[in-house]
Amino acid sequence: MAGEQSAVYVITGGAGGMGIACARRLGRRGRVLLSDVAERRLAEVAAELSASGIQVETRVADVADPAAVRALAEAAAGLGPLAALVHTAGLSPTMASWRRVMEVDLVGTALLIEAFRPLARPGSVAVCISSIAGHLQPPAPPELMEALDAPLAEGFLERIAPHFEGRPDAPSLAYGWAKQAVIRLVEREAAAWGRQGARIVSLSPGIIRTPMAEQEFKVQPQMAQMVRLTPLARIGEPDEIASAVEFLVGEGASYITGCDLRVDGGTTAAMRHLS
């Protein structure tokens, strides 16, 4: 697939640190369709990528909006065969309410998978960015987990609201549980994508040097402690995530599907085995 220049790589969160890094790498393989809610920044990024020789199209879209997601899938289908969907768009706990975090991080992921599944063909790959928060936060209670596994069900947010309303840590809880649910969603979707000769995986970054992480550092002192505990003793770079994504969408990962890859410098392992 690397030689199919007409193949399309769709990247959500295209104006963010990880999205831009992915576009730089995958733009060497084929056409890139970048999507983000930040229209001005998206245009700036597209201009920078175009200047470097990358074929890039843009589409402003909120991944939590079903109509916008369907339009994004239609735009991708009009550009060429789907090589990969790389879903990096997301909100961290300090950026929004628990409802909005859940809408973007989980519902948006489910909407994208649903919309792009019909475009999957032999060799297509979907990579959904999760987080090590999904590994480090205790599992959701059984009744909540059941609800989180049906994020497109009618009344989803109202059904889960009792677990969050009135809690000062609600955005953080929503973030961790949404990321857990994304990992489970990818596992469940593997069979459907496999029937079309396609693969789907999730990737859980650790603390990566992005504007989102910088914002979290300002209000969550535990993040500095996590970095100190990380075996590689540093923050990760966006291109290190993009490198893993490039591997996952390539032929070298042709037997990898339905699973999560942690790219965290060992943070999760260290946190789980504190002495």
Foldseek 3Di string as FASTA:
>chain_A
DQQPQLAEEEEEVCLWFLNLLLCLVSLSRYAYEYEYQPVVSNVVSVVVSVVVPGHYHYAYAQLLDLVRLLVSLVVNVVRHQYLEYEYPDAAALVRDALVVRLSRLAVSLVSNCVNCLVRQAALYEYEAEFACLLVPDPADPPVLLVLSLCCVDPPSCVSNVVVQPPDPCSSSVSRNNSSVNSLQNQLVCQVSSVVRNYAYEYEHEAAEPIPNSVVCVVPPVVNVVLLCQQPVNHHHYSNLVSVVVVCCSDPVVSPDHSGYHYHYSCSSVSVVDPD
